[in-house]
Amino acid sequence: MAAPKKGRKASAQSKPGRSLALILIAIAALTGGMFASGHTTPRLGIDLAGGTSITLRAEAEPGQESAINKTNMDTAVQIMERRVNGLGVSEAEVQTQGDKNIIVNIPKGTNSKQARDQVGTTAKLYFRPVLQREASGGPAQPEPSASPSGSPSASPSGSSKATDPKATGSATPSATATTQGRAVTDGLKADSSPSPSASADGDTAKLQAAYTALDCSKPAQRAQAGKDAKAGETTVACGKDGDVWTKFLLGPVAVDGTEVKDAKASFDTTRAAGWQVDMTFNGSGSKKFSNITGELAKQSSPQNEFAIVLDDEVVSHPYVQQAITGGNAQISGSFTQEEAKSLANMLSYGALPLTFSEDSVTTVTAALGGEQLQAGLIAGAIGLALVVIYLLVYYRGLSVIAILSLLVSAALTYTIMSLLGPTIGFALNLPAVCGAIVAIGITADSFIVYFERVRDEIREGRTLRPAVERAWPRARRTILVSDFVSFLAAAVLFIVTVGKVQGFAFTLGLTTLLDVVVVFLFTKPLLTLLARTKFYGGGHPWSGLDPKRLGAQPPLRRTRRPSAPIETKEA
């Protein structure tokens, strides 16, 4: 047989150790990252760890079907996350599934009825005047400067500016808020002197006692603060400024969130403030907002502030310097793009014509999930054992390469799944375990394709080293086509399905990609190295590559036929 061509291919064939070193370094790096992050086991889904799964379906008002879009659904997810976190729930999952569904997975230890009530109701957005405010459950914020230099001066056009601090810990406010011709500012100055005499319900003493006793650092109290308060009543609420919780005593609703016509984030290139939120009110909202800001401008801090309240939680509390007319406002300052978009989405949500209805509620106990996981692992172990037995009986020495490849694939799968939990929220559920079990067969199939190609080359009379290299191009094409079909099926299944089936599709797709990595960077280079040994290269009977056992044909050679005798005739 002719020697392999010199050049790039020959160099790659002669140095398979590079590929093996690369994949071993990758495994070591992933393992180190897993231990460094503190997540040494995959995150378990609620069907394994126990908990409640709630599937919500979005429904639009008649004629508003276009409101069910990605932006609005993502906003709804943010609000539901705030609600669940308000219950003190840890590691809850809220994510969209398809175009109209939201899946809320709540781990065990949470009141499922309370959680269902929280996530299943439509969010309410209100603008309420601030009567009283102070830090709660944490250190008070530094007071912003009240001097003229502490707030920007009026511009030549007559518009004024003020600040919207974000609890940065500095005495200087960190965000500015301007309006068209007017100014709005978020102040953090604690002032308990104002009296709640403006209370609409007249029960001042009772409300004041509730305000005094409120500790917003406690999730249970936050969840109950202002709950079921009517629009015309004075109420209490909590809000977070950076890492500090603040409690509020709020007056009756001045502007309803449904009167916000639009809110969006934009980049302001005219000032150093950067990202800002542009807010527009409809006709009635513009008039109400002008009236309330005109009244607040006459008051002193904090009674010159109005609170933007979403789901009974204060998301912002600007103070007013002058009446804001025209129905347009801008909240700008040291916002990042993500912060500005988040606030704009919350303001827009007050006008979203969306409601959510429960499609299904599933409760799984940890014991039941553990039993199902145990059964799944047993099934996987049985399947793996059968594969190993088949490899040992049929491929003998080649089975060592296959088993090592399966171990490498398992190590990569385990470490990646452990790291995906804290990074993208991936949770290992029962369908995902099934996907991993199915992947054992897909991975083993790739090894078998390559081994059979090599054995075919040996049957044709070639020695092992050239047979390994000649078999690889044909086996590679077959493996890539097979894995592409499996990955395509997993991708389609992931896109068109919702709920737990996506866990199966995700795991199947992940393990299919890893199969390609393992075959290219481990199986093929390892077989190339072992082909240089006497046991494999010499065709030992237990190597699985014995030419006699495979029925190899001797190489074809050209032979000369004996010349026929020349007969002569006598003259």
Protein backbone atom coordinates (compact mmCIF):
# COMPACT_ATOMS: atom_id res chain seq x y z
CA MET A 1 0.00 0.00 0.00
CA ALA A 2 1.25 3.48 -0.81
CA ALA A 3 2.50 5.62 2.05
CA PRO A 4 0.24 8.44 3.21
CA LYS A 5 0.74 11.73 1.47
CA LYS A 6 3.02 14.15 3.18
CA GLY A 7 1.67 17.48 4.34
CA ARG A 8 -1.16 18.57 6.57
CA LYS A 9 -3.02 15.22 6.69
CA ALA A 10 0.06 13.23 7.49
CA SER A 11 0.99 15.66 10.24
CA ALA A 12 -2.46 15.40 11.81
CA GLN A 13 -2.29 11.61 11.70
CA SER A 14 1.12 11.53 13.33
CA LYS A 15 0.13 13.70 16.31
CA PRO A 16 -3.12 12.35 17.78
CA GLY A 17 -1.79 13.23 21.23
CA ARG A 18 -2.73 16.86 20.63
CA SER A 19 -6.41 16.03 20.32
CA LEU A 20 -6.32 13.84 23.42
CA ALA A 21 -4.54 16.56 25.39
CA LEU A 22 -7.12 19.13 24.27
CA ILE A 23 -10.15 17.15 25.44
CA LEU A 24 -8.47 16.21 28.73
CA ILE A 25 -7.67 19.88 29.38
CA ALA A 26 -11.31 20.75 28.64
CA ILE A 27 -12.52 18.14 31.14
CA ALA A 28 -10.09 19.42 33.78
CA ALA A 29 -11.19 23.04 33.20
CA LEU A 30 -14.89 22.19 33.42
CA THR A 31 -14.32 20.14 36.56
CA GLY A 32 -12.33 22.96 38.14
CA GLY A 33 -15.05 25.45 37.27
CA MET A 34 -17.68 23.16 38.75
CA PHE A 35 -15.86 22.94 42.10
CA ALA A 36 -14.95 26.64 42.07
CA SER A 37 -18.59 27.64 41.58
CA GLY A 38 -19.72 25.38 44.42
CA HIS A 39 -22.24 23.57 42.20
CA THR A 40 -20.90 20.03 42.16
CA THR A 41 -24.22 18.40 41.30
CA PRO A 42 -26.78 19.24 38.60
CA ARG A 43 -29.71 21.34 39.68
CA LEU A 44 -32.79 19.15 40.08
CA GLY A 45 -36.21 20.02 38.71
CA ILE A 46 -39.28 20.00 40.88
CA ASP A 47 -40.25 16.51 39.71
CA LEU A 48 -37.06 15.25 41.38
CA ALA A 49 -36.66 17.73 44.23
CA GLY A 50 -40.39 18.17 44.89
CA GLY A 51 -42.55 21.27 44.47
CA THR A 52 -45.33 22.78 42.38
CA SER A 53 -45.39 23.55 38.65
CA ILE A 54 -47.96 26.07 37.38
CA THR A 55 -48.64 26.55 33.67
CA LEU A 56 -50.27 29.89 32.79
CA ARG A 57 -51.76 30.80 29.41
CA ALA A 58 -51.85 34.43 28.25
CA GLU A 59 -55.19 35.79 27.06
CA ALA A 60 -55.64 39.15 25.36
CA GLU A 61 -58.68 41.37 25.41
CA PRO A 62 -60.87 41.26 22.27
CA GLY A 63 -59.19 43.14 19.46
CA GLN A 64 -55.85 43.22 21.33
CA GLU A 65 -54.42 39.87 20.20
CA SER A 66 -51.19 41.55 19.11
CA ALA A 67 -50.49 42.30 22.78
CA ILE A 68 -49.33 38.69 23.19
CA ASN A 69 -45.76 39.22 22.01
CA LYS A 70 -42.28 38.48 23.26
CA THR A 71 -41.74 41.86 24.94
CA ASN A 72 -44.96 41.71 26.94
CA MET A 73 -44.46 38.08 27.87
CA ASP A 74 -40.93 38.82 29.11
CA THR A 75 -42.31 41.70 31.16
CA ALA A 76 -44.91 39.39 32.69
CA VAL A 77 -42.13 36.94 33.59
CA GLN A 78 -40.21 39.73 35.39
CA ILE A 79 -43.26 40.70 37.40
CA MET A 80 -44.06 37.10 38.34
CA GLU A 81 -40.46 36.63 39.45
CA ARG A 82 -40.86 39.65 41.72
CA ARG A 83 -44.02 38.16 43.16
CA VAL A 84 -42.48 34.76 43.83
CA ASN A 85 -39.37 36.32 45.34
CA GLY A 86 -41.62 38.42 47.54
CA LEU A 87 -42.83 35.18 49.11
CA GLY A 88 -39.27 34.38 50.15
CA VAL A 89 -38.99 31.54 47.64
CA SER A 90 -35.49 30.51 46.61
CA GLU A 91 -34.52 28.92 43.29
CA ALA A 92 -37.97 29.34 41.77
CA GLU A 93 -38.16 29.24 37.97
CA VAL A 94 -40.34 31.51 35.86
CA GLN A 95 -39.93 31.22 32.11
CA THR A 96 -41.88 31.50 28.89
CA GLN A 97 -42.79 28.34 26.99
CA GLY A 98 -43.87 28.89 23.41
CA ASP A 99 -45.73 32.06 22.46
CA LYS A 100 -48.53 32.10 25.04
CA ASN A 101 -47.45 30.06 28.05
CA ILE A 102 -45.52 30.86 31.21
CA ILE A 103 -44.22 28.05 33.43
CA VAL A 104 -43.72 28.77 37.13
CA ASN A 105 -41.79 26.08 39.01
CA ILE A 106 -41.81 26.57 42.77
CA PRO A 107 -39.70 24.23 44.92
CA LYS A 108 -40.98 22.51 48.02
CA GLY A 109 -41.46 24.41 51.25
CA THR A 110 -43.73 27.08 49.73
CA ASN A 111 -47.44 27.60 50.22
CA SER A 112 -48.63 26.53 46.77
CA LYS A 113 -52.04 28.20 47.12
CA GLN A 114 -50.47 31.52 48.03
CA ALA A 115 -48.04 31.18 45.14
CA ARG A 116 -50.87 30.44 42.70
CA ASP A 117 -52.77 33.49 43.89
CA GLN A 118 -49.67 35.65 43.44
CA VAL A 119 -48.64 34.56 39.95
CA GLY A 120 -52.11 34.10 38.48
CA THR A 121 -53.44 37.64 38.97
CA THR A 122 -52.93 40.62 36.70
CA ALA A 123 -50.35 43.16 37.85
CA LYS A 124 -51.61 46.56 39.02
CA LEU A 125 -49.67 49.77 38.49
CA TYR A 126 -50.54 52.95 40.40
CA PHE A 127 -49.13 56.40 41.05
CA ARG A 128 -49.64 57.39 44.71
CA PRO A 129 -48.43 60.45 46.66
CA VAL A 130 -45.87 59.74 49.39
CA LEU A 131 -46.96 60.81 52.88
CA GLN A 132 -44.13 59.29 54.87
CA ARG A 133 -40.97 57.31 54.14
CA GLU A 134 -37.96 55.92 55.96
CA ALA A 135 -35.37 53.16 55.69
CA SER A 136 -36.55 49.79 57.00
CA GLY A 137 -34.50 46.77 57.97
CA GLY A 138 -31.15 48.23 56.96
CA PRO A 139 -28.90 51.28 57.19
CA ALA A 140 -30.44 54.54 56.12
CA GLN A 141 -29.29 56.05 52.86
CA PRO A 142 -27.11 59.18 52.84
CA GLU A 143 -29.16 62.31 52.32
CA PRO A 144 -28.81 64.05 48.97
CA SER A 145 -27.68 67.62 49.16
CA ALA A 146 -30.51 70.14 49.52
CA SER A 147 -28.37 73.02 48.37
CA PRO A 148 -28.80 74.58 44.95
CA SER A 149 -25.59 72.90 43.84
CA GLY A 150 -27.07 69.52 44.74
CA SER A 151 -29.64 69.78 41.96
CA PRO A 152 -29.04 70.99 38.45
CA SER A 153 -30.06 74.51 37.62
CA ALA A 154 -32.75 75.40 35.14
CA SER A 155 -31.76 75.24 31.51
CA PRO A 156 -32.13 78.21 29.17
CA SER A 157 -35.24 76.67 27.68
CA GLY A 158 -36.93 76.81 31.03
CA SER A 159 -36.84 73.06 31.76
CA SER A 160 -35.41 72.04 35.10
CA LYS A 161 -33.72 68.84 36.23
CA ALA A 162 -33.46 66.84 39.43
CA THR A 163 -32.09 63.49 40.57
CA ASP A 164 -33.22 59.86 40.81
CA PRO A 165 -30.67 58.24 43.14
CA LYS A 166 -30.20 54.47 43.11
CA ALA A 167 -28.81 53.80 46.56
CA THR A 168 -25.20 53.93 45.48
CA GLY A 169 -23.98 54.81 48.95
CA SER A 170 -22.75 58.24 47.95
CA ALA A 171 -24.25 61.48 49.13
CA THR A 172 -24.65 62.64 45.57
CA PRO A 173 -27.78 61.47 43.73
CA SER A 174 -26.87 59.10 40.97
CA ALA A 175 -29.69 59.43 38.46
CA THR A 176 -31.54 62.33 36.97
CA ALA A 177 -35.16 62.56 35.99
CA THR A 178 -36.47 65.23 33.70
CA THR A 179 -39.82 65.87 32.09
CA GLN A 180 -40.89 67.87 29.13
CA GLY A 181 -40.62 71.37 30.57
CA ARG A 182 -40.58 70.02 34.15
CA ALA A 183 -38.49 67.90 36.51
CA VAL A 184 -38.90 64.79 38.64
CA THR A 185 -36.44 63.41 41.22
CA ASP A 186 -36.10 60.28 43.32
CA GLY A 187 -35.10 61.34 46.84
CA LEU A 188 -33.93 59.03 49.58
CA LYS A 189 -33.96 61.51 52.42
CA ALA A 190 -35.67 59.95 55.45
CA ASP A 191 -38.16 62.26 57.11
CA SER A 192 -40.68 61.02 59.63
CA SER A 193 -42.05 64.41 60.62
CA PRO A 194 -45.01 64.65 58.21
CA SER A 195 -48.26 63.46 59.65
CA PRO A 196 -50.54 61.09 57.73
CA SER A 197 -53.41 63.51 58.13
CA ALA A 198 -54.25 63.12 54.47
CA SER A 199 -55.38 59.55 55.02
CA ALA A 200 -58.50 58.87 53.01
CA ASP A 201 -59.92 56.20 55.31
CA GLY A 202 -59.81 58.36 58.46
CA ASP A 203 -58.26 55.59 60.57
CA THR A 204 -55.01 57.47 61.06
CA ALA A 205 -53.93 55.86 64.33
CA LYS A 206 -54.37 52.31 63.07
CA LEU A 207 -52.54 53.02 59.83
CA GLN A 208 -49.74 54.82 61.61
CA ALA A 209 -49.30 51.82 63.91
CA ALA A 210 -49.10 49.50 60.91
CA TYR A 211 -46.52 51.77 59.29
CA THR A 212 -44.42 51.92 62.46
CA ALA A 213 -44.45 48.14 62.91
CA LEU A 214 -43.66 47.38 59.24
CA ASP A 215 -40.24 45.80 58.64
CA CYS A 216 -39.65 45.57 54.89
CA SER A 217 -36.55 43.43 55.27
CA LYS A 218 -38.80 40.49 56.19
CA PRO A 219 -40.36 38.75 53.15
CA ALA A 220 -43.55 37.82 55.00
CA GLN A 221 -44.25 41.43 55.96
CA ARG A 222 -43.38 42.69 52.46
CA ALA A 223 -45.87 40.25 50.93
CA GLN A 224 -48.68 41.59 53.13
CA ALA A 225 -47.80 45.30 52.96
CA GLY A 226 -50.55 47.14 51.12
CA LYS A 227 -52.25 43.93 50.05
CA ASP A 228 -55.89 44.35 48.98
CA ALA A 229 -55.71 48.12 49.53
CA LYS A 230 -58.36 49.98 47.54
CA ALA A 231 -57.47 52.76 45.12
CA GLY A 232 -59.13 55.42 47.27
CA GLU A 233 -57.45 54.38 50.52
CA THR A 234 -54.19 55.32 52.19
CA THR A 235 -51.87 52.33 52.49
CA VAL A 236 -48.38 51.16 53.38
CA ALA A 237 -45.85 49.67 50.95
CA CYS A 238 -42.22 48.61 50.62
CA GLY A 239 -39.62 49.49 48.05
CA LYS A 240 -35.96 48.68 47.51
CA ASP A 241 -33.24 51.25 46.84
CA GLY A 242 -30.13 49.29 46.00
CA ASP A 243 -29.59 46.93 48.92
CA VAL A 244 -31.75 48.89 51.37
CA TRP A 245 -35.46 48.37 51.91
CA THR A 246 -37.61 51.47 52.49
CA LYS A 247 -41.13 51.58 53.91
CA PHE A 248 -43.74 54.05 52.69
CA LEU A 249 -47.02 55.52 53.83
CA LEU A 250 -48.90 56.33 50.63
CA GLY A 251 -51.99 58.35 49.84
CA PRO A 252 -54.89 57.37 47.56
CA VAL A 253 -54.21 56.56 43.90
CA ALA A 254 -53.69 59.72 41.85
CA VAL A 255 -53.09 58.14 38.41
CA ASP A 256 -53.90 54.58 37.30
CA GLY A 257 -51.28 52.58 35.46
CA THR A 258 -53.69 51.94 32.60
CA GLU A 259 -53.43 55.64 31.80
CA VAL A 260 -49.77 55.22 30.83
CA LYS A 261 -49.93 55.25 27.05
CA ASP A 262 -46.34 54.20 26.42
CA ALA A 263 -42.98 53.83 28.12
CA LYS A 264 -39.71 52.89 26.49
CA ALA A 265 -35.99 53.06 27.11
CA SER A 266 -33.84 55.29 24.92
CA PHE A 267 -30.30 56.64 24.88
CA ASP A 268 -29.93 60.35 25.54
CA THR A 269 -26.95 61.67 23.59
CA THR A 270 -27.47 65.28 24.66
CA ARG A 271 -26.43 64.74 28.29
CA ALA A 272 -23.99 62.62 30.21
CA ALA A 273 -26.92 60.85 31.85
CA GLY A 274 -26.97 58.09 29.20
CA TRP A 275 -29.99 55.79 29.23
CA GLN A 276 -33.41 57.16 30.09
CA VAL A 277 -37.06 56.11 30.20
CA ASP A 278 -39.60 58.07 28.14
CA MET A 279 -43.11 57.94 29.56
CA THR A 280 -46.30 59.17 27.86
CA PHE A 281 -49.80 59.46 29.41
CA ASN A 282 -53.13 59.42 27.62
CA GLY A 283 -55.55 62.35 27.79
CA SER A 284 -57.09 61.65 31.19
CA GLY A 285 -53.79 60.48 32.62
CA SER A 286 -52.02 63.62 31.45
CA LYS A 287 -54.55 65.82 33.25
CA LYS A 288 -54.42 63.78 36.47
CA PHE A 289 -50.62 63.71 36.41
CA SER A 290 -50.49 67.47 35.93
CA ASN A 291 -52.84 68.01 38.88
CA ILE A 292 -50.99 65.70 41.29
CA THR A 293 -47.54 67.01 40.39
CA GLY A 294 -48.80 70.57 40.79
CA GLU A 295 -49.99 69.77 44.32
CA LEU A 296 -46.86 67.86 45.26
CA ALA A 297 -44.60 70.68 44.08
CA LYS A 298 -45.97 72.82 46.91
CA GLN A 299 -44.92 70.31 49.59
CA SER A 300 -41.59 69.58 51.24
CA SER A 301 -39.72 66.28 51.20
CA PRO A 302 -40.90 63.54 51.27
CA GLN A 303 -44.44 64.83 50.68
CA ASN A 304 -43.37 66.26 47.33
CA GLU A 305 -42.80 62.73 46.04
CA PHE A 306 -45.09 60.34 44.22
CA ALA A 307 -44.56 56.58 44.30
CA ILE A 308 -44.80 54.34 41.26
CA VAL A 309 -46.35 51.21 42.79
CA LEU A 310 -46.38 47.89 40.95
CA ASP A 311 -47.99 44.92 42.68
CA ASP A 312 -48.06 46.83 45.99
CA GLU A 313 -44.29 47.42 45.78
CA VAL A 314 -42.70 50.82 45.16
CA VAL A 315 -40.43 50.61 42.13
CA SER A 316 -39.58 54.34 42.08
CA HIS A 317 -40.49 57.44 44.14
CA PRO A 318 -39.66 60.68 42.29
CA TYR A 319 -40.14 64.10 43.89
CA VAL A 320 -41.60 67.02 42.04
CA GLN A 321 -40.27 70.58 41.72
CA GLN A 322 -42.93 71.96 39.37
CA ALA A 323 -46.19 70.82 37.84
CA ILE A 324 -45.64 68.42 34.94
CA THR A 325 -47.88 69.21 32.01
CA GLY A 326 -48.05 67.92 28.47
CA GLY A 327 -48.35 64.25 29.37
CA ASN A 328 -44.70 63.42 28.61
CA ALA A 329 -41.96 62.60 31.10
CA GLN A 330 -38.40 61.38 30.99
CA ILE A 331 -36.63 59.49 33.74
CA SER A 332 -32.92 59.59 33.05
CA GLY A 333 -29.64 59.30 34.86
CA SER A 334 -27.02 56.66 35.62
CA PHE A 335 -29.15 53.84 34.27
CA THR A 336 -27.63 50.93 32.43
CA GLN A 337 -29.45 49.81 29.32
CA GLU A 338 -30.86 46.80 31.16
CA GLU A 339 -32.09 48.91 34.10
CA ALA A 340 -33.77 51.41 31.80
CA LYS A 341 -35.51 48.67 29.83
CA SER A 342 -36.65 46.96 33.02
CA LEU A 343 -38.24 50.14 34.39
CA ALA A 344 -39.83 50.94 31.03
CA ASN A 345 -41.33 47.45 30.85
CA MET A 346 -42.79 47.80 34.33
CA LEU A 347 -44.35 51.15 33.46
CA SER A 348 -45.73 49.74 30.22
CA TYR A 349 -47.20 46.71 31.96
CA GLY A 350 -49.81 48.88 33.67
CA ALA A 351 -51.49 49.31 30.29
CA LEU A 352 -51.09 45.78 28.95
CA PRO A 353 -54.44 44.18 28.01
CA LEU A 354 -53.21 40.75 29.19
CA THR A 355 -54.64 38.29 31.67
CA PHE A 356 -53.41 34.82 32.58
CA SER A 357 -55.41 31.68 33.23
CA GLU A 358 -54.18 28.44 34.76
CA ASP A 359 -53.74 25.60 32.29
CA SER A 360 -52.41 23.08 34.77
CA VAL A 361 -51.02 22.76 38.29
CA THR A 362 -48.81 19.78 39.13
CA THR A 363 -47.58 18.94 42.61
CA VAL A 364 -44.76 16.43 43.05
CA THR A 365 -43.38 15.22 46.35
CA ALA A 366 -39.65 14.74 46.77
CA ALA A 367 -40.21 11.08 47.69
CA LEU A 368 -42.11 10.37 44.48
CA GLY A 369 -39.52 12.19 42.41
CA GLY A 370 -36.72 10.29 44.14
CA GLU A 371 -38.40 6.97 43.38
CA GLN A 372 -38.83 7.91 39.74
CA LEU A 373 -35.22 9.06 39.52
CA GLN A 374 -34.05 5.81 41.07
CA ALA A 375 -36.08 3.83 38.57
CA GLY A 376 -34.68 5.91 35.71
CA LEU A 377 -31.11 5.43 36.90
CA ILE A 378 -31.64 1.68 37.22
CA ALA A 379 -32.99 1.57 33.68
CA GLY A 380 -30.00 3.57 32.48
CA ALA A 381 -27.58 1.29 34.32
CA ILE A 382 -29.19 -1.80 32.78
CA GLY A 383 -29.00 -0.28 29.32
CA LEU A 384 -25.36 0.71 29.81
CA ALA A 385 -24.49 -2.77 31.12
CA LEU A 386 -26.07 -4.42 28.07
CA VAL A 387 -24.10 -2.13 25.76
CA VAL A 388 -20.85 -2.92 27.57
CA ILE A 389 -21.52 -6.69 27.45
CA TYR A 390 -22.23 -6.49 23.74
CA LEU A 391 -19.02 -4.54 23.13
CA LEU A 392 -16.94 -6.99 25.17
CA VAL A 393 -18.33 -10.06 23.39
CA TYR A 394 -18.28 -8.72 19.86
CA TYR A 395 -15.39 -6.23 19.79
CA ARG A 396 -13.15 -7.63 22.54
CA GLY A 397 -10.14 -5.29 22.82
CA LEU A 398 -11.88 -2.50 20.91
CA SER A 399 -14.46 -2.40 23.70
CA VAL A 400 -11.83 -0.71 25.92
CA ILE A 401 -11.79 2.26 23.54
CA ALA A 402 -15.59 2.40 23.48
CA ILE A 403 -15.91 2.20 27.28
CA LEU A 404 -13.30 4.93 27.81
CA SER A 405 -15.13 7.09 25.26
CA LEU A 406 -18.41 6.58 27.11
CA LEU A 407 -16.72 7.60 30.38
CA VAL A 408 -15.34 10.77 28.77
CA SER A 409 -18.78 11.60 27.36
CA ALA A 410 -20.36 11.03 30.78
CA ALA A 411 -17.79 13.30 32.48
CA LEU A 412 -18.42 16.10 29.97
CA THR A 413 -22.20 15.73 30.28
CA TYR A 414 -22.15 15.78 34.09
CA THR A 415 -19.87 18.81 34.46
CA ILE A 416 -21.70 20.84 31.81
CA MET A 417 -25.10 20.08 33.36
CA SER A 418 -23.79 21.10 36.78
CA LEU A 419 -22.54 24.42 35.38
CA LEU A 420 -25.69 25.11 33.34
CA GLY A 421 -27.81 25.14 36.51
CA PRO A 422 -26.47 28.42 37.95
CA THR A 423 -25.73 29.99 34.54
CA ILE A 424 -28.95 29.49 32.55
CA GLY A 425 -31.21 27.92 35.17
CA PHE A 426 -31.14 24.43 33.64
CA ALA A 427 -32.79 21.89 35.93
CA LEU A 428 -32.42 18.15 35.51
CA ASN A 429 -35.87 16.57 35.42
CA LEU A 430 -37.06 13.08 34.59
CA PRO A 431 -37.46 13.66 30.83
CA ALA A 432 -33.92 15.05 30.79
CA VAL A 433 -32.69 11.86 32.47
CA CYS A 434 -34.47 9.88 29.74
CA GLY A 435 -32.70 11.98 27.12
CA ALA A 436 -29.34 11.15 28.70
CA ILE A 437 -30.21 7.43 28.67
CA VAL A 438 -31.19 7.55 24.98
CA ALA A 439 -27.88 9.29 24.28
CA ILE A 440 -25.98 6.17 25.42
CA GLY A 441 -27.25 4.35 22.36
CA ILE A 442 -26.46 7.28 20.05
CA THR A 443 -22.90 7.50 21.36
CA ALA A 444 -22.32 3.75 21.15
CA ASP A 445 -23.66 3.77 17.58
CA SER A 446 -20.94 6.23 16.53
CA PHE A 447 -18.21 3.94 17.89
CA ILE A 448 -19.69 0.92 16.12
CA VAL A 449 -19.79 2.77 12.78
CA TYR A 450 -16.10 3.60 13.03
CA PHE A 451 -15.05 0.16 14.26
CA GLU A 452 -16.90 -1.58 11.44
CA ARG A 453 -15.28 0.65 8.85
CA VAL A 454 -11.86 -0.25 10.24
CA ARG A 455 -12.69 -3.97 10.25
CA ASP A 456 -13.88 -3.71 6.63
CA GLU A 457 -10.52 -2.29 5.64
CA ILE A 458 -8.75 -5.17 7.43
CA ARG A 459 -10.97 -7.68 5.60
CA GLU A 460 -9.71 -6.21 2.35
CA GLY A 461 -6.16 -7.15 3.33
CA ARG A 462 -4.83 -3.91 4.83
CA THR A 463 -2.85 -3.69 8.04
CA LEU A 464 -4.32 -1.82 11.02
CA ARG A 465 -2.48 1.52 10.82
CA PRO A 466 -3.49 2.34 7.24
CA ALA A 467 -6.91 0.79 7.87
CA VAL A 468 -7.55 3.26 10.74
CA GLU A 469 -6.78 6.24 8.51
CA ARG A 470 -8.60 5.00 5.40
CA ALA A 471 -11.72 4.10 7.38
CA TRP A 472 -12.00 7.48 9.11
CA PRO A 473 -13.25 9.68 6.21
CA ARG A 474 -16.13 7.35 5.39
CA ALA A 475 -17.00 6.75 9.06
CA ARG A 476 -16.80 10.48 9.77
CA ARG A 477 -19.39 11.30 7.11
CA THR A 478 -21.76 8.65 8.42
CA ILE A 479 -21.37 9.80 12.05
CA LEU A 480 -21.93 13.47 11.16
CA VAL A 481 -25.06 12.71 9.14
CA SER A 482 -26.48 10.50 11.90
CA ASP A 483 -25.76 13.03 14.65
CA PHE A 484 -27.12 15.89 12.54
CA VAL A 485 -30.43 14.07 12.15
CA SER A 486 -30.59 13.42 15.92
CA PHE A 487 -29.73 17.03 16.74
CA LEU A 488 -32.27 18.35 14.24
CA ALA A 489 -34.98 16.18 15.79
CA ALA A 490 -34.01 17.44 19.27
CA ALA A 491 -34.06 21.07 18.10
CA VAL A 492 -37.50 20.75 16.49
CA LEU A 493 -38.83 19.00 19.58
CA PHE A 494 -37.43 21.75 21.81
CA ILE A 495 -39.06 24.49 19.73
CA VAL A 496 -42.53 23.00 19.23
CA THR A 497 -43.06 21.55 22.72
CA VAL A 498 -43.62 23.13 26.12
CA GLY A 499 -43.07 22.03 29.67
CA LYS A 500 -40.94 19.10 30.71
CA VAL A 501 -40.61 17.63 27.23
CA GLN A 502 -38.15 20.41 26.50
CA GLY A 503 -35.85 18.93 29.12
CA PHE A 504 -35.70 15.71 27.10
CA ALA A 505 -35.02 17.62 23.88
CA PHE A 506 -32.35 19.82 25.46
CA THR A 507 -30.45 16.87 26.96
CA LEU A 508 -30.69 14.88 23.73
CA GLY A 509 -29.31 17.80 21.72
CA LEU A 510 -26.52 18.45 24.22
CA THR A 511 -25.36 14.82 24.33
CA THR A 512 -25.51 14.59 20.53
CA LEU A 513 -23.11 17.52 20.22
CA LEU A 514 -20.86 15.98 22.84
CA ASP A 515 -20.87 12.72 20.87
CA VAL A 516 -19.28 14.52 17.92
CA VAL A 517 -16.67 16.10 20.21
CA VAL A 518 -15.77 12.78 21.85
CA VAL A 519 -15.52 10.80 18.60
CA PHE A 520 -13.35 13.43 16.89
CA LEU A 521 -11.11 14.40 19.81
CA PHE A 522 -10.91 11.15 21.79
CA THR A 523 -12.06 7.95 20.06
CA LYS A 524 -10.29 8.42 16.75
CA PRO A 525 -6.98 9.73 18.22
CA LEU A 526 -6.96 6.95 20.83
CA LEU A 527 -7.46 4.26 18.19
CA THR A 528 -4.66 5.84 16.13
CA LEU A 529 -2.28 5.56 19.09
CA LEU A 530 -3.30 2.00 19.95
CA ALA A 531 -2.84 0.93 16.33
CA ARG A 532 0.89 1.47 16.88
CA THR A 533 1.02 -1.08 19.67
CA LYS A 534 1.81 -4.75 19.16
CA PHE A 535 -1.44 -5.97 20.74
CA TYR A 536 -3.72 -4.05 18.37
CA GLY A 537 -1.42 -3.45 15.41
CA GLY A 538 -0.30 -7.07 15.33
CA GLY A 539 -3.87 -8.34 15.21
CA HIS A 540 -3.94 -10.23 18.52
CA PRO A 541 -6.92 -12.65 18.70
CA TRP A 542 -8.34 -10.70 21.67
CA SER A 543 -7.83 -7.28 20.09
CA GLY A 544 -10.98 -7.51 18.01
CA LEU A 545 -8.87 -6.89 14.90
CA ASP A 546 -7.56 -10.38 14.16
CA PRO A 547 -7.37 -10.66 10.34
CA LYS A 548 -8.01 -14.41 10.41
CA ARG A 549 -11.07 -14.04 12.62
CA LEU A 550 -12.38 -11.29 10.35
CA GLY A 551 -11.86 -13.42 7.22
CA ALA A 552 -9.31 -11.08 5.69
CA GLN A 553 -8.34 -11.72 2.07
CA PRO A 554 -4.66 -11.72 1.11
CA PRO A 555 -3.63 -8.63 -0.79
CA LEU A 556 -4.01 -8.94 -4.55
CA ARG A 557 -0.77 -9.07 -6.50
CA ARG A 558 -0.11 -9.26 -10.21
CA THR A 559 1.42 -12.53 -11.40
CA ARG A 560 2.91 -13.49 -14.73
CA ARG A 561 1.47 -16.39 -16.63
CA PRO A 562 3.99 -18.99 -17.84
CA SER A 563 4.86 -18.59 -21.51
CA ALA A 564 3.52 -21.27 -23.85
CA PRO A 565 6.19 -23.47 -25.51
CA ILE A 566 7.09 -22.42 -29.03
CA GLU A 567 6.59 -25.20 -31.49
CA THR A 568 8.79 -25.32 -34.56
CA LYS A 569 8.32 -27.22 -37.66
CA GLU A 570 11.05 -28.75 -39.66
CA ALA A 571 11.38 -27.37 -43.03
